[in-house]
């Protein structure tokens, strides 16, 4: 990881963002000496919302009718 001073990082921000986007570690040292790491954030995984699949499934009108394939098993 290479570390840059805050002033230099401000002038090279777009370059540093490109480096972070391809996985390189970039550190930025604040004026008080604290170093911050610049990393690419992934989108958080989306949780399914209740009702989001509404209208995605259709049940046919003959859903409860017996299947022709099972005639031999009926008594």
N, C-alpha and C. Protein backbone atom coordinates (compact mmCIF):
# COMPACT_ATOMS: atom_id res chain seq x y z
N UNK A 1 0.85 -1.17 0.00
CA UNK A 1 0.00 0.00 0.00
C UNK A 1 0.89 1.23 0.00
N UNK A 2 0.62 2.13 -0.91
CA UNK A 2 1.37 3.37 -0.88
C UNK A 2 0.52 4.45 -0.20
N UNK A 3 1.18 5.30 0.57
CA UNK A 3 0.49 6.31 1.36
C UNK A 3 0.88 7.69 0.83
N UNK A 4 -0.10 8.53 0.61
CA UNK A 4 0.12 9.89 0.14
C UNK A 4 -0.35 10.87 1.20
N UNK A 5 0.25 12.03 1.20
CA UNK A 5 -0.21 13.10 2.09
C UNK A 5 -1.53 13.65 1.54
N UNK A 6 -2.32 14.23 2.40
CA UNK A 6 -3.64 14.70 2.04
C UNK A 6 -3.60 15.70 0.88
N UNK A 7 -2.69 16.64 0.89
CA UNK A 7 -2.60 17.64 -0.18
C UNK A 7 -2.37 16.98 -1.54
N UNK A 8 -1.44 16.03 -1.57
CA UNK A 8 -1.15 15.35 -2.83
C UNK A 8 -2.34 14.50 -3.27
N UNK A 9 -2.99 13.84 -2.32
CA UNK A 9 -4.14 13.00 -2.64
C UNK A 9 -5.28 13.83 -3.22
N UNK A 10 -5.46 15.04 -2.72
CA UNK A 10 -6.53 15.90 -3.24
C UNK A 10 -6.29 16.22 -4.72
N UNK A 11 -5.07 16.44 -5.09
CA UNK A 11 -4.79 16.80 -6.48
C UNK A 11 -4.79 15.58 -7.41
N UNK A 12 -4.66 14.37 -6.86
CA UNK A 12 -4.60 13.15 -7.68
C UNK A 12 -5.77 12.22 -7.41
N UNK A 13 -6.89 12.77 -6.93
CA UNK A 13 -8.00 11.94 -6.48
C UNK A 13 -8.52 11.00 -7.56
N UNK A 14 -8.73 11.48 -8.77
CA UNK A 14 -9.29 10.61 -9.82
C UNK A 14 -8.34 9.45 -10.13
N UNK A 15 -7.05 9.70 -10.11
CA UNK A 15 -6.06 8.64 -10.33
C UNK A 15 -6.11 7.62 -9.19
N UNK A 16 -6.22 8.10 -7.97
CA UNK A 16 -6.28 7.20 -6.81
C UNK A 16 -7.56 6.37 -6.82
N UNK A 17 -8.65 6.95 -7.26
CA UNK A 17 -9.90 6.19 -7.37
C UNK A 17 -9.79 5.07 -8.39
N UNK A 18 -9.13 5.35 -9.51
CA UNK A 18 -8.92 4.30 -10.53
C UNK A 18 -8.07 3.16 -9.95
N UNK A 19 -7.04 3.51 -9.17
CA UNK A 19 -6.20 2.48 -8.56
C UNK A 19 -7.01 1.63 -7.59
N UNK A 20 -7.81 2.28 -6.76
CA UNK A 20 -8.63 1.53 -5.80
C UNK A 20 -9.64 0.65 -6.51
N UNK A 21 -10.14 1.11 -7.66
CA UNK A 21 -11.14 0.35 -8.41
C UNK A 21 -10.60 -0.97 -8.93
N UNK A 22 -9.29 -1.04 -9.19
CA UNK A 22 -8.70 -2.29 -9.68
C UNK A 22 -8.06 -3.11 -8.56
N UNK A 23 -8.30 -2.69 -7.30
CA UNK A 23 -7.85 -3.50 -6.17
C UNK A 23 -6.56 -3.07 -5.52
N UNK A 24 -5.93 -2.02 -5.99
CA UNK A 24 -4.70 -1.56 -5.35
C UNK A 24 -5.05 -0.84 -4.05
N UNK A 25 -4.18 -1.00 -3.05
CA UNK A 25 -4.40 -0.35 -1.76
C UNK A 25 -3.79 1.04 -1.78
N UNK A 26 -4.59 2.00 -1.39
CA UNK A 26 -4.15 3.39 -1.38
C UNK A 26 -4.41 3.94 0.02
N UNK A 27 -3.41 4.59 0.59
CA UNK A 27 -3.57 5.22 1.89
C UNK A 27 -3.42 6.72 1.77
N UNK A 28 -4.21 7.43 2.57
CA UNK A 28 -4.14 8.89 2.58
C UNK A 28 -3.87 9.32 4.02
N UNK A 29 -2.75 10.03 4.20
CA UNK A 29 -2.38 10.47 5.55
C UNK A 29 -2.95 11.87 5.79
N UNK A 30 -3.76 11.97 6.84
CA UNK A 30 -4.35 13.25 7.22
C UNK A 30 -3.29 14.10 7.90
N UNK A 31 -3.56 15.38 8.05
CA UNK A 31 -2.57 16.29 8.64
C UNK A 31 -2.23 15.92 10.09
N UNK A 32 -3.12 15.22 10.78
CA UNK A 32 -2.83 14.81 12.16
C UNK A 32 -2.10 13.48 12.24
N UNK A 33 -1.75 12.89 11.08
CA UNK A 33 -0.97 11.65 11.05
C UNK A 33 -1.78 10.38 10.88
N UNK A 34 -3.09 10.48 11.00
CA UNK A 34 -3.94 9.29 10.84
C UNK A 34 -4.00 8.93 9.36
N UNK A 35 -3.85 7.62 9.07
CA UNK A 35 -3.89 7.14 7.68
C UNK A 35 -5.24 6.48 7.42
N UNK A 36 -5.86 6.89 6.32
CA UNK A 36 -7.12 6.31 5.89
C UNK A 36 -6.88 5.48 4.64
N UNK A 37 -7.55 4.35 4.57
CA UNK A 37 -7.41 3.49 3.41
C UNK A 37 -8.54 3.75 2.43
N UNK A 38 -8.21 3.92 1.17
CA UNK A 38 -9.18 4.13 0.11
C UNK A 38 -9.47 2.77 -0.52
N UNK A 39 -10.72 2.31 -0.41
CA UNK A 39 -11.08 0.99 -0.94
C UNK A 39 -12.37 1.10 -1.75
N UNK A 40 -12.53 0.18 -2.66
CA UNK A 40 -13.75 0.08 -3.45
C UNK A 40 -14.83 -0.58 -2.60
N UNK A 41 -15.97 0.04 -2.49
CA UNK A 41 -17.08 -0.53 -1.72
C UNK A 41 -17.99 -1.29 -2.67
N UNK A 42 -18.31 -2.50 -2.32
CA UNK A 42 -19.25 -3.29 -3.09
C UNK A 42 -20.66 -2.90 -2.67
N UNK A 43 -21.59 -3.05 -3.58
CA UNK A 43 -22.98 -2.80 -3.22
C UNK A 43 -23.40 -3.85 -2.20
N UNK A 44 -24.12 -3.46 -1.17
CA UNK A 44 -24.57 -4.46 -0.20
C UNK A 44 -25.54 -5.41 -0.86
N UNK A 45 -25.52 -6.67 -0.43
CA UNK A 45 -26.45 -7.63 -1.04
C UNK A 45 -27.89 -7.19 -0.78
N UNK A 46 -28.71 -7.29 -1.79
CA UNK A 46 -30.10 -6.88 -1.64
C UNK A 46 -30.91 -8.00 -1.04
N UNK A 47 -31.71 -7.67 -0.06
CA UNK A 47 -32.60 -8.66 0.55
C UNK A 47 -33.93 -8.64 -0.19
N UNK A 48 -34.52 -9.80 -0.39
CA UNK A 48 -35.80 -9.82 -1.08
C UNK A 48 -36.86 -9.10 -0.24
N UNK A 49 -37.71 -8.38 -0.92
CA UNK A 49 -38.78 -7.66 -0.23
C UNK A 49 -40.06 -8.49 -0.31
N UNK A 50 -40.81 -8.48 0.76
CA UNK A 50 -42.08 -9.20 0.80
C UNK A 50 -42.98 -8.72 -0.33
N UNK A 51 -43.47 -9.64 -1.11
CA UNK A 51 -44.38 -9.30 -2.20
C UNK A 51 -43.67 -8.93 -3.50
N UNK A 52 -42.35 -9.03 -3.53
CA UNK A 52 -41.63 -8.62 -4.73
C UNK A 52 -41.85 -9.58 -5.91
N UNK A 53 -42.32 -10.79 -5.65
CA UNK A 53 -42.55 -11.75 -6.72
C UNK A 53 -44.02 -11.79 -7.14
N UNK A 54 -44.80 -10.85 -6.64
CA UNK A 54 -46.22 -10.80 -6.98
C UNK A 54 -46.37 -10.75 -8.50
N UNK A 55 -47.31 -11.52 -8.99
CA UNK A 55 -47.60 -11.61 -10.44
C UNK A 55 -46.52 -12.32 -11.23
N UNK A 56 -45.54 -12.91 -10.58
CA UNK A 56 -44.48 -13.63 -11.28
C UNK A 56 -44.90 -15.09 -11.55
N UNK A 57 -45.89 -15.58 -10.83
CA UNK A 57 -46.33 -16.97 -10.96
C UNK A 57 -47.81 -16.99 -11.28
N UNK A 58 -48.18 -17.82 -12.23
CA UNK A 58 -49.59 -17.99 -12.58
C UNK A 58 -49.98 -19.43 -12.32
N UNK A 59 -51.13 -19.60 -11.72
CA UNK A 59 -51.66 -20.94 -11.47
C UNK A 59 -52.80 -21.15 -12.46
N UNK A 60 -52.72 -22.24 -13.19
CA UNK A 60 -53.74 -22.51 -14.21
C UNK A 60 -55.08 -22.86 -13.56
N UNK A 61 -56.13 -22.71 -14.32
CA UNK A 61 -57.48 -22.98 -13.80
C UNK A 61 -57.67 -24.45 -13.44
N UNK A 62 -56.96 -25.36 -14.12
CA UNK A 62 -57.12 -26.79 -13.85
C UNK A 62 -56.06 -27.32 -12.87
N UNK A 63 -55.56 -26.47 -12.02
CA UNK A 63 -54.48 -26.86 -11.09
C UNK A 63 -54.87 -28.05 -10.21
N UNK A 64 -56.12 -28.06 -9.74
CA UNK A 64 -56.54 -29.11 -8.80
C UNK A 64 -57.14 -30.34 -9.50
N UNK A 65 -57.17 -30.34 -10.78
CA UNK A 65 -57.71 -31.48 -11.53
C UNK A 65 -56.69 -32.62 -11.49
N UNK A 66 -57.16 -33.86 -11.50
CA UNK A 66 -56.24 -35.01 -11.51
C UNK A 66 -55.41 -35.04 -12.79
N UNK A 67 -54.20 -35.54 -12.67
CA UNK A 67 -53.31 -35.65 -13.82
C UNK A 67 -53.59 -36.94 -14.58
N UNK A 68 -53.54 -36.88 -15.89
CA UNK A 68 -53.80 -38.07 -16.71
C UNK A 68 -52.76 -39.15 -16.45
N UNK A 69 -51.55 -38.79 -16.14
CA UNK A 69 -50.48 -39.77 -15.93
C UNK A 69 -50.74 -40.66 -14.71
N UNK A 70 -51.58 -40.25 -13.80
CA UNK A 70 -51.78 -41.01 -12.56
C UNK A 70 -53.07 -41.82 -12.55
N UNK A 71 -53.72 -41.94 -13.70
CA UNK A 71 -54.97 -42.71 -13.76
C UNK A 71 -54.79 -44.15 -13.31
N UNK A 72 -53.66 -44.75 -13.63
CA UNK A 72 -53.44 -46.15 -13.27
C UNK A 72 -53.26 -46.34 -11.78
N UNK A 73 -52.93 -45.31 -11.03
CA UNK A 73 -52.71 -45.43 -9.59
C UNK A 73 -53.97 -45.14 -8.78
N UNK A 74 -54.98 -44.59 -9.43
CA UNK A 74 -56.22 -44.30 -8.71
C UNK A 74 -57.04 -45.57 -8.60
N UNK A 75 -57.70 -45.74 -7.49
CA UNK A 75 -58.49 -46.96 -7.34
C UNK A 75 -59.96 -46.72 -7.46
